[in-house]
Amino acid sequence: MKREIKFSYIAQHEETGLFMEQIFTMEEIEGSDFLNQWRKTFKRFGKWIARRQYTGLKDKNGKEIYEGDIVNTKDFNGGFTNVVVEWDDAQFTTIIKPLNRLIDIVVIGNIYENKELLDK
């Protein structure tokens, strides 16, 4: 099974602090006008913060999971904890275990817009 390759681009408005996210497929990125559109959109909005890759997985609600997402999942003790999805050694992983081995995953935010979720 082939994984769809997508990227999430996040920018932050310099004056208001608001975030904007846009998701693009590889086909869109490789299109001839992508860079021009991207630069115009984010130049008007503010500064570019991050580019995050799609993991190919979805949470239990069907939401796509991207690198840098904060997910709520079961921990070793059967309780729930918030962890960050990262890329390490050719796989998407968290501090608990590889992403594809977690259960009851729910995306609750990302490390750029919702850092406070990691303090809980």
C-alpha atoms as a PDB file:
ATOM      1  CA  MET A   1       0.000   0.000   0.000  1.00  0.00           C
ATOM      2  CA  LYS A   2       1.405   3.371  -1.008  1.00  0.00           C
ATOM      3  CA  ARG A   3       1.229   6.248   1.416  1.00  0.00           C
ATOM      4  CA  GLU A   4      -0.085   9.531   0.065  1.00  0.00           C
ATOM      5  CA  ILE A   5       2.629  12.162   0.394  1.00  0.00           C
ATOM      6  CA  LYS A   6       1.379  15.505   1.681  1.00  0.00           C
ATOM      7  CA  PHE A   7       2.868  18.429   3.537  1.00  0.00           C
ATOM      8  CA  SER A   8       1.296  20.877   5.959  1.00  0.00           C
ATOM      9  CA  TYR A   9       2.731  24.403   5.811  1.00  0.00           C
ATOM     10  CA  ILE A  10       2.191  26.679   8.805  1.00  0.00           C
ATOM     11  CA  ALA A  11       2.665  30.445   8.897  1.00  0.00           C
ATOM     12  CA  GLN A  12       2.122  32.944  11.696  1.00  0.00           C
ATOM     13  CA  HIS A  13       0.862  36.494  11.284  1.00  0.00           C
ATOM     14  CA  GLU A  14       3.521  38.782  12.733  1.00  0.00           C
ATOM     15  CA  GLU A  15       1.113  41.338  14.199  1.00  0.00           C
ATOM     16  CA  THR A  16      -1.822  39.251  15.450  1.00  0.00           C
ATOM     17  CA  GLY A  17       0.005  35.985  16.220  1.00  0.00           C
ATOM     18  CA  LEU A  18      -2.700  34.018  14.386  1.00  0.00           C
ATOM     19  CA  PHE A  19      -1.659  30.839  12.588  1.00  0.00           C
ATOM     20  CA  MET A  20      -2.566  29.699   9.086  1.00  0.00           C
ATOM     21  CA  GLU A  21      -2.129  26.152   7.800  1.00  0.00           C
ATOM     22  CA  GLN A  22      -2.337  24.902   4.228  1.00  0.00           C
ATOM     23  CA  ILE A  23      -1.969  21.290   3.108  1.00  0.00           C
ATOM     24  CA  PHE A  24      -0.526  20.376  -0.282  1.00  0.00           C
ATOM     25  CA  THR A  25      -0.084  17.052  -2.075  1.00  0.00           C
ATOM     26  CA  MET A  26       3.155  16.234  -3.892  1.00  0.00           C
ATOM     27  CA  GLU A  27       1.348  16.747  -7.194  1.00  0.00           C
ATOM     28  CA  GLU A  28       0.434  20.295  -6.160  1.00  0.00           C
ATOM     29  CA  ILE A  29       3.936  21.005  -4.864  1.00  0.00           C
ATOM     30  CA  GLU A  30       5.528  19.765  -8.058  1.00  0.00           C
ATOM     31  CA  GLY A  31       3.161  21.894 -10.132  1.00  0.00           C
ATOM     32  CA  SER A  32       4.827  24.736 -11.977  1.00  0.00           C
ATOM     33  CA  ASP A  33       3.082  27.565 -10.095  1.00  0.00           C
ATOM     34  CA  PHE A  34       3.281  26.189  -6.547  1.00  0.00           C
ATOM     35  CA  LEU A  35       6.250  28.224  -5.310  1.00  0.00           C
ATOM     36  CA  ASN A  36       4.850  31.482  -6.656  1.00  0.00           C
ATOM     37  CA  GLN A  37       1.439  30.876  -5.051  1.00  0.00           C
ATOM     38  CA  TRP A  38       3.033  29.802  -1.782  1.00  0.00           C
ATOM     39  CA  ARG A  39       5.278  32.846  -1.556  1.00  0.00           C
ATOM     40  CA  LYS A  40       2.441  35.269  -2.327  1.00  0.00           C
ATOM     41  CA  THR A  41       0.041  33.691   0.179  1.00  0.00           C
ATOM     42  CA  PHE A  42       2.459  33.536   3.081  1.00  0.00           C
ATOM     43  CA  LYS A  43       4.203  36.825   2.346  1.00  0.00           C
ATOM     44  CA  ARG A  44       0.834  38.561   2.809  1.00  0.00           C
ATOM     45  CA  PHE A  45       0.050  36.590   5.948  1.00  0.00           C
ATOM     46  CA  GLY A  46       3.331  36.663   7.844  1.00  0.00           C
ATOM     47  CA  LYS A  47       6.307  34.465   8.479  1.00  0.00           C
ATOM     48  CA  TRP A  48       6.627  30.805   7.587  1.00  0.00           C
ATOM     49  CA  ILE A  49       6.893  28.631  10.714  1.00  0.00           C
ATOM     50  CA  ALA A  50       7.011  24.980   9.624  1.00  0.00           C
ATOM     51  CA  ARG A  51       6.650  22.330   6.947  1.00  0.00           C
ATOM     52  CA  ARG A  52       5.270  19.051   8.330  1.00  0.00           C
ATOM     53  CA  GLN A  53       4.982  15.704   6.556  1.00  0.00           C
ATOM     54  CA  TYR A  54       1.826  13.563   6.577  1.00  0.00           C
ATOM     55  CA  THR A  55       2.416  10.215   8.329  1.00  0.00           C
ATOM     56  CA  GLY A  56      -0.061   8.285   6.202  1.00  0.00           C
ATOM     57  CA  LEU A  57      -2.102   7.545   9.340  1.00  0.00           C
ATOM     58  CA  LYS A  58      -5.311   8.987  10.743  1.00  0.00           C
ATOM     59  CA  ASP A  59      -6.500   9.276  14.329  1.00  0.00           C
ATOM     60  CA  LYS A  60      -9.581   7.472  15.617  1.00  0.00           C
ATOM     61  CA  ASN A  61     -11.757  10.351  14.355  1.00  0.00           C
ATOM     62  CA  GLY A  62     -10.342  10.184  10.814  1.00  0.00           C
ATOM     63  CA  LYS A  63      -8.093  13.273  11.155  1.00  0.00           C
ATOM     64  CA  GLU A  64      -4.789  13.043   9.287  1.00  0.00           C
ATOM     65  CA  ILE A  65      -1.699  12.858  11.531  1.00  0.00           C
ATOM     66  CA  TYR A  66       1.308  15.040  10.653  1.00  0.00           C
ATOM     67  CA  GLU A  67       4.830  15.269  12.015  1.00  0.00           C
ATOM     68  CA  GLY A  68       4.781  17.749  14.902  1.00  0.00           C
ATOM     69  CA  ASP A  69       1.198  16.922  15.877  1.00  0.00           C
ATOM     70  CA  ILE A  70       0.408  16.469  19.536  1.00  0.00           C
ATOM     71  CA  VAL A  71      -1.661  13.340  20.018  1.00  0.00           C
ATOM     72  CA  ASN A  72      -3.460  12.028  23.062  1.00  0.00           C
ATOM     73  CA  THR A  73      -2.964   8.272  23.440  1.00  0.00           C
ATOM     74  CA  LYS A  74      -2.823   5.444  25.975  1.00  0.00           C
ATOM     75  CA  ASP A  75       0.393   5.309  27.989  1.00  0.00           C
ATOM     76  CA  PHE A  76       2.188   2.346  29.589  1.00  0.00           C
ATOM     77  CA  ASN A  77      -0.085   2.429  32.645  1.00  0.00           C
ATOM     78  CA  GLY A  78      -3.351   2.359  30.703  1.00  0.00           C
ATOM     79  CA  GLY A  79      -3.963   6.067  31.311  1.00  0.00           C
ATOM     80  CA  PHE A  80      -3.788   8.754  28.658  1.00  0.00           C
ATOM     81  CA  THR A  81      -0.953  11.123  27.834  1.00  0.00           C
ATOM     82  CA  ASN A  82      -0.085  13.794  25.263  1.00  0.00           C
ATOM     83  CA  VAL A  83       2.917  13.045  23.023  1.00  0.00           C
ATOM     84  CA  VAL A  84       4.531  14.603  19.937  1.00  0.00           C
ATOM     85  CA  VAL A  85       4.766  12.776  16.607  1.00  0.00           C
ATOM     86  CA  GLU A  86       8.363  12.871  15.330  1.00  0.00           C
ATOM     87  CA  TRP A  87      10.452  11.360  12.534  1.00  0.00           C
ATOM     88  CA  ASP A  88      13.233   9.084  13.824  1.00  0.00           C
ATOM     89  CA  ASP A  89      15.170   6.203  12.239  1.00  0.00           C
ATOM     90  CA  ALA A  90      12.997   5.959   9.119  1.00  0.00           C
ATOM     91  CA  GLN A  91       9.677   5.923  10.966  1.00  0.00           C
ATOM     92  CA  PHE A  92       7.208   8.261  12.627  1.00  0.00           C
ATOM     93  CA  THR A  93       7.425   7.772  16.378  1.00  0.00           C
ATOM     94  CA  THR A  94       6.675   9.243  19.826  1.00  0.00           C
ATOM     95  CA  ILE A  95       8.510   9.017  23.136  1.00  0.00           C
ATOM     96  CA  ILE A  96       6.262   6.070  24.042  1.00  0.00           C
ATOM     97  CA  LYS A  97       6.548   3.899  20.921  1.00  0.00           C
ATOM     98  CA  PRO A  98       6.286   4.024  17.128  1.00  0.00           C
ATOM     99  CA  LEU A  99       3.202   5.891  15.942  1.00  0.00           C
ATOM    100  CA  ASN A 100       1.713   2.898  14.145  1.00  0.00           C
ATOM    101  CA  ARG A 101       1.676   0.934  17.436  1.00  0.00           C
ATOM    102  CA  LEU A 102      -0.284   3.466  19.483  1.00  0.00           C
ATOM    103  CA  ILE A 103      -3.968   2.922  20.218  1.00  0.00           C
ATOM    104  CA  ASP A 104      -6.836   5.333  20.779  1.00  0.00           C
ATOM    105  CA  ILE A 105      -4.917   8.196  19.104  1.00  0.00           C
ATOM    106  CA  VAL A 106      -6.573  11.614  18.891  1.00  0.00           C
ATOM    107  CA  VAL A 107      -4.856  14.647  17.344  1.00  0.00           C
ATOM    108  CA  ILE A 108      -5.316  17.521  19.801  1.00  0.00           C
ATOM    109  CA  GLY A 109      -2.987  20.131  18.311  1.00  0.00           C
ATOM    110  CA  ASN A 110       0.570  20.693  17.147  1.00  0.00           C
ATOM    111  CA  ILE A 111       3.835  21.900  18.664  1.00  0.00           C
ATOM    112  CA  TYR A 112       3.649  25.268  16.895  1.00  0.00           C
ATOM    113  CA  GLU A 113       0.178  26.396  17.879  1.00  0.00           C
ATOM    114  CA  ASN A 114      -0.483  24.403  21.058  1.00  0.00           C
ATOM    115  CA  LYS A 115       2.766  23.962  23.059  1.00  0.00           C
ATOM    116  CA  GLU A 116       0.801  24.282  26.286  1.00  0.00           C
ATOM    117  CA  LEU A 117      -0.772  20.844  25.657  1.00  0.00           C
ATOM    118  CA  LEU A 118       2.555  19.200  26.473  1.00  0.00           C
ATOM    119  CA  ASP A 119       2.534  20.554  30.021  1.00  0.00           C
ATOM    120  CA  LYS A 120      -0.518  18.482  30.946  1.00  0.00           C
END
